[in-house]
Amino acid sequence: YYTLEYAPTAEPARKRTQQVSGAH
């Protein structure tokens, strides 16, 4: 599966994480 992490460049502490199926 994939782990997706994203955050505003200016505020890395606001990172959000999502798991995505390997089929996507």
mmCIF file of all heavy atoms, coordinates in Angstrom:
data_MODEL
# 
_entry.id   MODEL 
# 
loop_
_atom_site.group_PDB 
_atom_site.id 
_atom_site.type_symbol 
_atom_site.label_atom_id 
_atom_site.label_alt_id 
_atom_site.label_comp_id 
_atom_site.label_asym_id 
_atom_site.label_entity_id 
_atom_site.label_seq_id 
_atom_site.pdbx_PDB_ins_code 
_atom_site.Cartn_x 
_atom_site.Cartn_y 
_atom_site.Cartn_z 
_atom_site.occupancy 
_atom_site.B_iso_or_equiv 
_atom_site.pdbx_formal_charge 
_atom_site.auth_seq_id 
_atom_site.auth_comp_id 
_atom_site.auth_asym_id 
_atom_site.auth_atom_id 
_atom_site.pdbx_PDB_model_num 
ATOM 1   N N   . TYR A 1 1  ? 0.874  -1.178 0.000  1.00 0.00 ? 1  TYR A N   1 
ATOM 2   C CA  . TYR A 1 1  ? 0.000  0.000  0.000  1.00 0.00 ? 1  TYR A CA  1 
ATOM 3   C C   . TYR A 1 1  ? 0.907  1.223  0.000  1.00 0.00 ? 1  TYR A C   1 
ATOM 4   O O   . TYR A 1 1  ? 2.138  1.106  0.096  1.00 0.00 ? 1  TYR A O   1 
ATOM 5   C CB  . TYR A 1 1  ? -0.924 0.000  1.216  1.00 0.00 ? 1  TYR A CB  1 
ATOM 6   C CG  . TYR A 1 1  ? -0.198 0.038  2.541  1.00 0.00 ? 1  TYR A CG  1 
ATOM 7   C CD1 . TYR A 1 1  ? 0.060  1.259  3.173  1.00 0.00 ? 1  TYR A CD1 1 
ATOM 8   C CD2 . TYR A 1 1  ? 0.238  -1.143 3.158  1.00 0.00 ? 1  TYR A CD2 1 
ATOM 9   C CE1 . TYR A 1 1  ? 0.748  1.288  4.376  1.00 0.00 ? 1  TYR A CE1 1 
ATOM 10  C CE2 . TYR A 1 1  ? 0.920  -1.107 4.354  1.00 0.00 ? 1  TYR A CE2 1 
ATOM 11  C CZ  . TYR A 1 1  ? 1.179  0.116  4.970  1.00 0.00 ? 1  TYR A CZ  1 
ATOM 12  O OH  . TYR A 1 1  ? 1.851  0.159  6.158  1.00 0.00 ? 1  TYR A OH  1 
ATOM 13  N N   . TYR A 1 2  ? 0.297  2.398  -0.156 1.00 0.00 ? 2  TYR A N   1 
ATOM 14  C CA  . TYR A 1 2  ? 1.059  3.644  -0.137 1.00 0.00 ? 2  TYR A CA  1 
ATOM 15  C C   . TYR A 1 2  ? 0.714  4.420  1.121  1.00 0.00 ? 2  TYR A C   1 
ATOM 16  O O   . TYR A 1 2  ? -0.439 4.457  1.542  1.00 0.00 ? 2  TYR A O   1 
ATOM 17  C CB  . TYR A 1 2  ? 0.708  4.523  -1.339 1.00 0.00 ? 2  TYR A CB  1 
ATOM 18  C CG  . TYR A 1 2  ? 0.973  3.882  -2.674 1.00 0.00 ? 2  TYR A CG  1 
ATOM 19  C CD1 . TYR A 1 2  ? -0.057 3.262  -3.378 1.00 0.00 ? 2  TYR A CD1 1 
ATOM 20  C CD2 . TYR A 1 2  ? 2.240  3.913  -3.247 1.00 0.00 ? 2  TYR A CD2 1 
ATOM 21  C CE1 . TYR A 1 2  ? 0.169  2.680  -4.620 1.00 0.00 ? 2  TYR A CE1 1 
ATOM 22  C CE2 . TYR A 1 2  ? 2.479  3.336  -4.488 1.00 0.00 ? 2  TYR A CE2 1 
ATOM 23  C CZ  . TYR A 1 2  ? 1.440  2.720  -5.169 1.00 0.00 ? 2  TYR A CZ  1 
ATOM 24  O OH  . TYR A 1 2  ? 1.670  2.148  -6.391 1.00 0.00 ? 2  TYR A OH  1 
ATOM 25  N N   . THR A 1 3  ? 1.711  5.060  1.701  1.00 0.00 ? 3  THR A N   1 
ATOM 26  C CA  . THR A 1 3  ? 1.451  6.060  2.732  1.00 0.00 ? 3  THR A CA  1 
ATOM 27  C C   . THR A 1 3  ? 1.664  7.419  2.089  1.00 0.00 ? 3  THR A C   1 
ATOM 28  O O   . THR A 1 3  ? 2.719  7.670  1.488  1.00 0.00 ? 3  THR A O   1 
ATOM 29  C CB  . THR A 1 3  ? 2.403  5.897  3.930  1.00 0.00 ? 3  THR A CB  1 
ATOM 30  O OG1 . THR A 1 3  ? 2.180  4.610  4.494  1.00 0.00 ? 3  THR A OG1 1 
ATOM 31  C CG2 . THR A 1 3  ? 2.112  6.953  4.991  1.00 0.00 ? 3  THR A CG2 1 
ATOM 32  N N   . LEU A 1 4  ? 0.640  8.256  2.165  1.00 0.00 ? 4  LEU A N   1 
ATOM 33  C CA  . LEU A 1 4  ? 0.715  9.587  1.577  1.00 0.00 ? 4  LEU A CA  1 
ATOM 34  C C   . LEU A 1 4  ? 0.835  10.593 2.710  1.00 0.00 ? 4  LEU A C   1 
ATOM 35  O O   . LEU A 1 4  ? 0.019  10.584 3.641  1.00 0.00 ? 4  LEU A O   1 
ATOM 36  C CB  . LEU A 1 4  ? -0.558 9.841  0.768  1.00 0.00 ? 4  LEU A CB  1 
ATOM 37  C CG  . LEU A 1 4  ? -0.600 11.176 0.048  1.00 0.00 ? 4  LEU A CG  1 
ATOM 38  C CD1 . LEU A 1 4  ? 0.352  11.155 -1.136 1.00 0.00 ? 4  LEU A CD1 1 
ATOM 39  C CD2 . LEU A 1 4  ? -2.012 11.468 -0.419 1.00 0.00 ? 4  LEU A CD2 1 
ATOM 40  N N   . GLU A 1 5  ? 1.860  11.423 2.644  1.00 0.00 ? 5  GLU A N   1 
ATOM 41  C CA  . GLU A 1 5  ? 2.025  12.470 3.649  1.00 0.00 ? 5  GLU A CA  1 
ATOM 42  C C   . GLU A 1 5  ? 2.036  13.812 2.942  1.00 0.00 ? 5  GLU A C   1 
ATOM 43  O O   . GLU A 1 5  ? 2.684  13.960 1.902  1.00 0.00 ? 5  GLU A O   1 
ATOM 44  C CB  . GLU A 1 5  ? 3.358  12.291 4.390  1.00 0.00 ? 5  GLU A CB  1 
ATOM 45  C CG  . GLU A 1 5  ? 3.446  10.994 5.161  1.00 0.00 ? 5  GLU A CG  1 
ATOM 46  C CD  . GLU A 1 5  ? 4.802  10.835 5.852  1.00 0.00 ? 5  GLU A CD  1 
ATOM 47  O OE1 . GLU A 1 5  ? 5.744  11.575 5.487  1.00 0.00 ? 5  GLU A OE1 1 
ATOM 48  O OE2 . GLU A 1 5  ? 4.889  9.989  6.755  1.00 0.00 ? 5  GLU A OE2 1 
ATOM 49  N N   . TYR A 1 6  ? 1.305  14.789 3.499  1.00 0.00 ? 6  TYR A N   1 
ATOM 50  C CA  . TYR A 1 6  ? 1.355  16.123 2.895  1.00 0.00 ? 6  TYR A CA  1 
ATOM 51  C C   . TYR A 1 6  ? 1.211  17.181 3.970  1.00 0.00 ? 6  TYR A C   1 
ATOM 52  O O   . TYR A 1 6  ? 0.534  16.992 4.971  1.00 0.00 ? 6  TYR A O   1 
ATOM 53  C CB  . TYR A 1 6  ? 0.301  16.278 1.798  1.00 0.00 ? 6  TYR A CB  1 
ATOM 54  C CG  . TYR A 1 6  ? -1.131 16.087 2.226  1.00 0.00 ? 6  TYR A CG  1 
ATOM 55  C CD1 . TYR A 1 6  ? -1.968 17.187 2.442  1.00 0.00 ? 6  TYR A CD1 1 
ATOM 56  C CD2 . TYR A 1 6  ? -1.665 14.810 2.398  1.00 0.00 ? 6  TYR A CD2 1 
ATOM 57  C CE1 . TYR A 1 6  ? -3.302 17.006 2.822  1.00 0.00 ? 6  TYR A CE1 1 
ATOM 58  C CE2 . TYR A 1 6  ? -2.976 14.626 2.777  1.00 0.00 ? 6  TYR A CE2 1 
ATOM 59  C CZ  . TYR A 1 6  ? -3.791 15.734 2.990  1.00 0.00 ? 6  TYR A CZ  1 
ATOM 60  O OH  . TYR A 1 6  ? -5.090 15.549 3.373  1.00 0.00 ? 6  TYR A OH  1 
ATOM 61  N N   . ALA A 1 7  ? 1.874  18.290 3.741  1.00 0.00 ? 7  ALA A N   1 
ATOM 62  C CA  . ALA A 1 7  ? 1.863  19.396 4.700  1.00 0.00 ? 7  ALA A CA  1 
ATOM 63  C C   . ALA A 1 7  ? 2.225  20.684 3.974  1.00 0.00 ? 7  ALA A C   1 
ATOM 64  O O   . ALA A 1 7  ? 2.979  20.649 2.990  1.00 0.00 ? 7  ALA A O   1 
ATOM 65  C CB  . ALA A 1 7  ? 2.884  19.143 5.811  1.00 0.00 ? 7  ALA A CB  1 
ATOM 66  N N   . PRO A 1 8  ? 1.703  21.820 4.459  1.00 0.00 ? 8  PRO A N   1 
ATOM 67  C CA  . PRO A 1 8  ? 2.158  23.095 3.897  1.00 0.00 ? 8  PRO A CA  1 
ATOM 68  C C   . PRO A 1 8  ? 3.669  23.233 4.131  1.00 0.00 ? 8  PRO A C   1 
ATOM 69  O O   . PRO A 1 8  ? 4.155  22.930 5.222  1.00 0.00 ? 8  PRO A O   1 
ATOM 70  C CB  . PRO A 1 8  ? 1.391  24.148 4.703  1.00 0.00 ? 8  PRO A CB  1 
ATOM 71  C CG  . PRO A 1 8  ? 0.250  23.415 5.337  1.00 0.00 ? 8  PRO A CG  1 
ATOM 72  C CD  . PRO A 1 8  ? 0.717  22.004 5.534  1.00 0.00 ? 8  PRO A CD  1 
ATOM 73  N N   . THR A 1 9  ? 4.391  23.676 3.104  1.00 0.00 ? 9  THR A N   1 
ATOM 74  C CA  . THR A 1 9  ? 5.843  23.836 3.212  1.00 0.00 ? 9  THR A CA  1 
ATOM 75  C C   . THR A 1 9  ? 6.209  24.701 4.417  1.00 0.00 ? 9  THR A C   1 
ATOM 76  O O   . THR A 1 9  ? 7.179  24.441 5.119  1.00 0.00 ? 9  THR A O   1 
ATOM 77  C CB  . THR A 1 9  ? 6.385  24.508 1.933  1.00 0.00 ? 9  THR A CB  1 
ATOM 78  O OG1 . THR A 1 9  ? 5.927  23.744 0.827  1.00 0.00 ? 9  THR A OG1 1 
ATOM 79  C CG2 . THR A 1 9  ? 7.894  24.540 1.913  1.00 0.00 ? 9  THR A CG2 1 
ATOM 80  N N   . ALA A 1 10 ? 5.422  25.743 4.649  1.00 0.00 ? 10 ALA A N   1 
ATOM 81  C CA  . ALA A 1 10 ? 5.730  26.687 5.725  1.00 0.00 ? 10 ALA A CA  1 
ATOM 82  C C   . ALA A 1 10 ? 5.412  26.113 7.108  1.00 0.00 ? 10 ALA A C   1 
ATOM 83  O O   . ALA A 1 10 ? 5.905  26.625 8.109  1.00 0.00 ? 10 ALA A O   1 
ATOM 84  C CB  . ALA A 1 10 ? 4.939  27.979 5.507  1.00 0.00 ? 10 ALA A CB  1 
ATOM 85  N N   . GLU A 1 11 ? 4.562  25.088 7.160  1.00 0.00 ? 11 GLU A N   1 
ATOM 86  C CA  . GLU A 1 11 ? 4.159  24.536 8.462  1.00 0.00 ? 11 GLU A CA  1 
ATOM 87  C C   . GLU A 1 11 ? 4.218  23.016 8.441  1.00 0.00 ? 11 GLU A C   1 
ATOM 88  O O   . GLU A 1 11 ? 3.181  22.349 8.433  1.00 0.00 ? 11 GLU A O   1 
ATOM 89  C CB  . GLU A 1 11 ? 2.730  24.974 8.799  1.00 0.00 ? 11 GLU A CB  1 
ATOM 90  C CG  . GLU A 1 11 ? 2.531  26.472 8.822  1.00 0.00 ? 11 GLU A CG  1 
ATOM 91  C CD  . GLU A 1 11 ? 1.060  26.807 8.983  1.00 0.00 ? 11 GLU A CD  1 
ATOM 92  O OE1 . GLU A 1 11 ? 0.570  26.762 10.124 1.00 0.00 ? 11 GLU A OE1 1 
ATOM 93  O OE2 . GLU A 1 11 ? 0.403  27.083 7.962  1.00 0.00 ? 11 GLU A OE2 1 
ATOM 94  N N   . PRO A 1 12 ? 5.436  22.468 8.461  1.00 0.00 ? 12 PRO A N   1 
ATOM 95  C CA  . PRO A 1 12 ? 5.562  21.000 8.380  1.00 0.00 ? 12 PRO A CA  1 
ATOM 96  C C   . PRO A 1 12 ? 4.851  20.271 9.518  1.00 0.00 ? 12 PRO A C   1 
ATOM 97  O O   . PRO A 1 12 ? 4.476  19.113 9.374  1.00 0.00 ? 12 PRO A O   1 
ATOM 98  C CB  . PRO A 1 12 ? 7.076  20.762 8.432  1.00 0.00 ? 12 PRO A CB  1 
ATOM 99  C CG  . PRO A 1 12 ? 7.727  22.093 8.449  1.00 0.00 ? 12 PRO A CG  1 
ATOM 100 C CD  . PRO A 1 12 ? 6.716  23.160 8.502  1.00 0.00 ? 12 PRO A CD  1 
ATOM 101 N N   . ALA A 1 13 ? 4.631  20.966 10.621 1.00 0.00 ? 13 ALA A N   1 
ATOM 102 C CA  . ALA A 1 13 ? 3.972  20.314 11.761 1.00 0.00 ? 13 ALA A CA  1 
ATOM 103 C C   . ALA A 1 13 ? 2.513  19.967 11.469 1.00 0.00 ? 13 ALA A C   1 
ATOM 104 O O   . ALA A 1 13 ? 1.919  19.128 12.146 1.00 0.00 ? 13 ALA A O   1 
ATOM 105 C CB  . ALA A 1 13 ? 4.047  21.216 12.989 1.00 0.00 ? 13 ALA A CB  1 
ATOM 106 N N   . ARG A 1 14 ? 1.938  20.608 10.464 1.00 0.00 ? 14 ARG A N   1 
ATOM 107 C CA  . ARG A 1 14 ? 0.530  20.337 10.133 1.00 0.00 ? 14 ARG A CA  1 
ATOM 108 C C   . ARG A 1 14 ? 0.405  19.176 9.155  1.00 0.00 ? 14 ARG A C   1 
ATOM 109 O O   . ARG A 1 14 ? -0.538 19.114 8.363  1.00 0.00 ? 14 ARG A O   1 
ATOM 110 C CB  . ARG A 1 14 ? -0.124 21.597 9.562  1.00 0.00 ? 14 ARG A CB  1 
ATOM 111 C CG  . ARG A 1 14 ? -0.382 22.651 10.627 1.00 0.00 ? 14 ARG A CG  1 
ATOM 112 C CD  . ARG A 1 14 ? -0.994 23.899 10.032 1.00 0.00 ? 14 ARG A CD  1 
ATOM 113 N NE  . ARG A 1 14 ? -2.172 23.599 9.208  1.00 0.00 ? 14 ARG A NE  1 
ATOM 114 C CZ  . ARG A 1 14 ? -2.660 24.425 8.296  1.00 0.00 ? 14 ARG A CZ  1 
ATOM 115 N NH1 . ARG A 1 14 ? -2.077 25.567 8.063  1.00 0.00 ? 14 ARG A NH1 1 
ATOM 116 N NH2 . ARG A 1 14 ? -3.732 24.085 7.607  1.00 0.00 ? 14 ARG A NH2 1 
ATOM 117 N N   . LYS A 1 15 ? 1.352  18.255 9.223  1.00 0.00 ? 15 LYS A N   1 
ATOM 118 C CA  . LYS A 1 15 ? 1.377  17.131 8.291  1.00 0.00 ? 15 LYS A CA  1 
ATOM 119 C C   . LYS A 1 15 ? 0.159  16.235 8.473  1.00 0.00 ? 15 LYS A C   1 
ATOM 120 O O   . LYS A 1 15 ? -0.254 15.948 9.589  1.00 0.00 ? 15 LYS A O   1 
ATOM 121 C CB  . LYS A 1 15 ? 2.649  16.322 8.518  1.00 0.00 ? 15 LYS A CB  1 
ATOM 122 C CG  . LYS A 1 15 ? 2.792  15.163 7.553  1.00 0.00 ? 15 LYS A CG  1 
ATOM 123 C CD  . LYS A 1 15 ? 4.209  14.651 7.536  1.00 0.00 ? 15 LYS A CD  1 
ATOM 124 C CE  . LYS A 1 15 ? 4.440  13.690 8.696  1.00 0.00 ? 15 LYS A CE  1 
ATOM 125 N NZ  . LYS A 1 15 ? 5.797  13.114 8.650  1.00 0.00 ? 15 LYS A NZ  1 
ATOM 126 N N   . ARG A 1 16 ? -0.418 15.825 7.341  1.00 0.00 ? 16 ARG A N   1 
ATOM 127 C CA  . ARG A 1 16 ? -1.509 14.855 7.382  1.00 0.00 ? 16 ARG A CA  1 
ATOM 128 C C   . ARG A 1 16 ? -1.054 13.594 6.651  1.00 0.00 ? 16 ARG A C   1 
ATOM 129 O O   . ARG A 1 16 ? -0.271 13.667 5.708  1.00 0.00 ? 16 ARG A O   1 
ATOM 130 C CB  . ARG A 1 16 ? -2.751 15.429 6.700  1.00 0.00 ? 16 ARG A CB  1 
ATOM 131 C CG  . ARG A 1 16 ? -3.362 16.554 7.525  1.00 0.00 ? 16 ARG A CG  1 
ATOM 132 C CD  . ARG A 1 16 ? -4.735 16.911 6.997  1.00 0.00 ? 16 ARG A CD  1 
ATOM 133 N NE  . ARG A 1 16 ? -4.731 18.234 6.392  1.00 0.00 ? 16 ARG A NE  1 
ATOM 134 C CZ  . ARG A 1 16 ? -5.769 18.761 5.753  1.00 0.00 ? 16 ARG A CZ  1 
ATOM 135 N NH1 . ARG A 1 16 ? -6.886 18.075 5.619  1.00 0.00 ? 16 ARG A NH1 1 
ATOM 136 N NH2 . ARG A 1 16 ? -5.696 19.956 5.233  1.00 0.00 ? 16 ARG A NH2 1 
ATOM 137 N N   . THR A 1 17 ? -1.542 12.463 7.101  1.00 0.00 ? 17 THR A N   1 
ATOM 138 C CA  . THR A 1 17 ? -1.132 11.175 6.549  1.00 0.00 ? 17 THR A CA  1 
ATOM 139 C C   . THR A 1 17 ? -2.366 10.389 6.122  1.00 0.00 ? 17 THR A C   1 
ATOM 140 O O   . THR A 1 17 ? -3.395 10.458 6.789  1.00 0.00 ? 17 THR A O   1 
ATOM 141 C CB  . THR A 1 17 ? -0.359 10.373 7.618  1.00 0.00 ? 17 THR A CB  1 
ATOM 142 O OG1 . THR A 1 17 ? 0.710  11.176 8.085  1.00 0.00 ? 17 THR A OG1 1 
ATOM 143 C CG2 . THR A 1 17 ? 0.210  9.096  7.042  1.00 0.00 ? 17 THR A CG2 1 
ATOM 144 N N   . GLN A 1 18 ? -2.229 9.699  5.012  1.00 0.00 ? 18 GLN A N   1 
ATOM 145 C CA  . GLN A 1 18 ? -3.348 8.915  4.497  1.00 0.00 ? 18 GLN A CA  1 
ATOM 146 C C   . GLN A 1 18 ? -2.791 7.610  3.945  1.00 0.00 ? 18 GLN A C   1 
ATOM 147 O O   . GLN A 1 18 ? -1.701 7.613  3.375  1.00 0.00 ? 18 GLN A O   1 
ATOM 148 C CB  . GLN A 1 18 ? -3.991 9.718  3.357  1.00 0.00 ? 18 GLN A CB  1 
ATOM 149 C CG  . GLN A 1 18 ? -5.483 9.626  3.281  1.00 0.00 ? 18 GLN A CG  1 
ATOM 150 C CD  . GLN A 1 18 ? -6.024 10.671 2.301  1.00 0.00 ? 18 GLN A CD  1 
ATOM 151 O OE1 . GLN A 1 18 ? -5.589 11.812 2.311  1.00 0.00 ? 18 GLN A OE1 1 
ATOM 152 N NE2 . GLN A 1 18 ? -6.946 10.268 1.467  1.00 0.00 ? 18 GLN A NE2 1 
ATOM 153 N N   . GLN A 1 19 ? -3.521 6.516  4.106  1.00 0.00 ? 19 GLN A N   1 
ATOM 154 C CA  . GLN A 1 19 ? -3.100 5.266  3.484  1.00 0.00 ? 19 GLN A CA  1 
ATOM 155 C C   . GLN A 1 19 ? -3.926 5.010  2.243  1.00 0.00 ? 19 GLN A C   1 
ATOM 156 O O   . GLN A 1 19 ? -5.129 5.253  2.232  1.00 0.00 ? 19 GLN A O   1 
ATOM 157 C CB  . GLN A 1 19 ? -3.251 4.102  4.461  1.00 0.00 ? 19 GLN A CB  1 
ATOM 158 C CG  . GLN A 1 19 ? -2.141 4.104  5.484  1.00 0.00 ? 19 GLN A CG  1 
ATOM 159 C CD  . GLN A 1 19 ? -2.060 2.792  6.240  1.00 0.00 ? 19 GLN A CD  1 
ATOM 160 O OE1 . GLN A 1 19 ? -2.837 1.878  5.992  1.00 0.00 ? 19 GLN A OE1 1 
ATOM 161 N NE2 . GLN A 1 19 ? -1.116 2.716  7.164  1.00 0.00 ? 19 GLN A NE2 1 
ATOM 162 N N   . VAL A 1 20 ? -3.254 4.543  1.198  1.00 0.00 ? 20 VAL A N   1 
ATOM 163 C CA  . VAL A 1 20 ? -3.901 4.334  -0.091 1.00 0.00 ? 20 VAL A CA  1 
ATOM 164 C C   . VAL A 1 20 ? -3.592 2.914  -0.555 1.00 0.00 ? 20 VAL A C   1 
ATOM 165 O O   . VAL A 1 20 ? -2.447 2.474  -0.474 1.00 0.00 ? 20 VAL A O   1 
ATOM 166 C CB  . VAL A 1 20 ? -3.358 5.342  -1.135 1.00 0.00 ? 20 VAL A CB  1 
ATOM 167 C CG1 . VAL A 1 20 ? -4.168 5.261  -2.417 1.00 0.00 ? 20 VAL A CG1 1 
ATOM 168 C CG2 . VAL A 1 20 ? -3.388 6.765  -0.589 1.00 0.00 ? 20 VAL A CG2 1 
ATOM 169 N N   . SER A 1 21 ? -4.601 2.242  -1.053 1.00 0.00 ? 21 SER A N   1 
ATOM 170 C CA  . SER A 1 21 ? -4.427 0.873  -1.537 1.00 0.00 ? 21 SER A CA  1 
ATOM 171 C C   . SER A 1 21 ? -3.393 0.824  -2.664 1.00 0.00 ? 21 SER A C   1 
ATOM 172 O O   . SER A 1 21 ? -3.262 1.760  -3.452 1.00 0.00 ? 21 SER A O   1 
ATOM 173 C CB  . SER A 1 21 ? -5.773 0.359  -2.046 1.00 0.00 ? 21 SER A CB  1 
ATOM 174 O OG  . SER A 1 21 ? -5.595 -0.498 -3.153 1.00 0.00 ? 21 SER A OG  1 
ATOM 175 N N   . GLY A 1 22 ? -2.675 -0.278 -2.747 1.00 0.00 ? 22 GLY A N   1 
ATOM 176 C CA  . GLY A 1 22 ? -1.664 -0.457 -3.791 1.00 0.00 ? 22 GLY A CA  1 
ATOM 177 C C   . GLY A 1 22 ? -2.240 -0.462 -5.196 1.00 0.00 ? 22 GLY A C   1 
ATOM 178 O O   . GLY A 1 22 ? -1.518 -0.292 -6.171 1.00 0.00 ? 22 GLY A O   1 
ATOM 179 N N   . ALA A 1 23 ? -3.552 -0.657 -5.300 1.00 0.00 ? 23 ALA A N   1 
ATOM 180 C CA  . ALA A 1 23 ? -4.178 -0.689 -6.627 1.00 0.00 ? 23 ALA A CA  1 
ATOM 181 C C   . ALA A 1 23 ? -4.330 0.710  -7.224 1.00 0.00 ? 23 ALA A C   1 
ATOM 182 O O   . ALA A 1 23 ? -4.541 0.861  -8.417 1.00 0.00 ? 23 ALA A O   1 
ATOM 183 C CB  . ALA A 1 23 ? -5.547 -1.353 -6.531 1.00 0.00 ? 23 ALA A CB  1 
ATOM 184 N N   . HIS A 1 24 ? -4.269 1.752  -6.393 1.00 0.00 ? 24 HIS A N   1 
ATOM 185 C CA  . HIS A 1 24 ? -4.511 3.119  -6.869 1.00 0.00 ? 24 HIS A CA  1 
ATOM 186 C C   . HIS A 1 24 ? -3.296 3.722  -7.557 1.00 0.00 ? 24 HIS A C   1 
ATOM 187 O O   . HIS A 1 24 ? -2.170 3.438  -7.183 1.00 0.00 ? 24 HIS A O   1 
ATOM 188 C CB  . HIS A 1 24 ? -4.879 4.035  -5.697 1.00 0.00 ? 24 HIS A CB  1 
ATOM 189 C CG  . HIS A 1 24 ? -6.260 3.804  -5.173 1.00 0.00 ? 24 HIS A CG  1 
ATOM 190 N ND1 . HIS A 1 24 ? -7.346 3.576  -5.957 1.00 0.00 ? 24 HIS A ND1 1 
ATOM 191 C CD2 . HIS A 1 24 ? -6.727 3.784  -3.895 1.00 0.00 ? 24 HIS A CD2 1 
ATOM 192 C CE1 . HIS A 1 24 ? -8.429 3.415  -5.203 1.00 0.00 ? 24 HIS A CE1 1 
ATOM 193 N NE2 . HIS A 1 24 ? -8.067 3.531  -3.941 1.00 0.00 ? 24 HIS A NE2 1 
# 
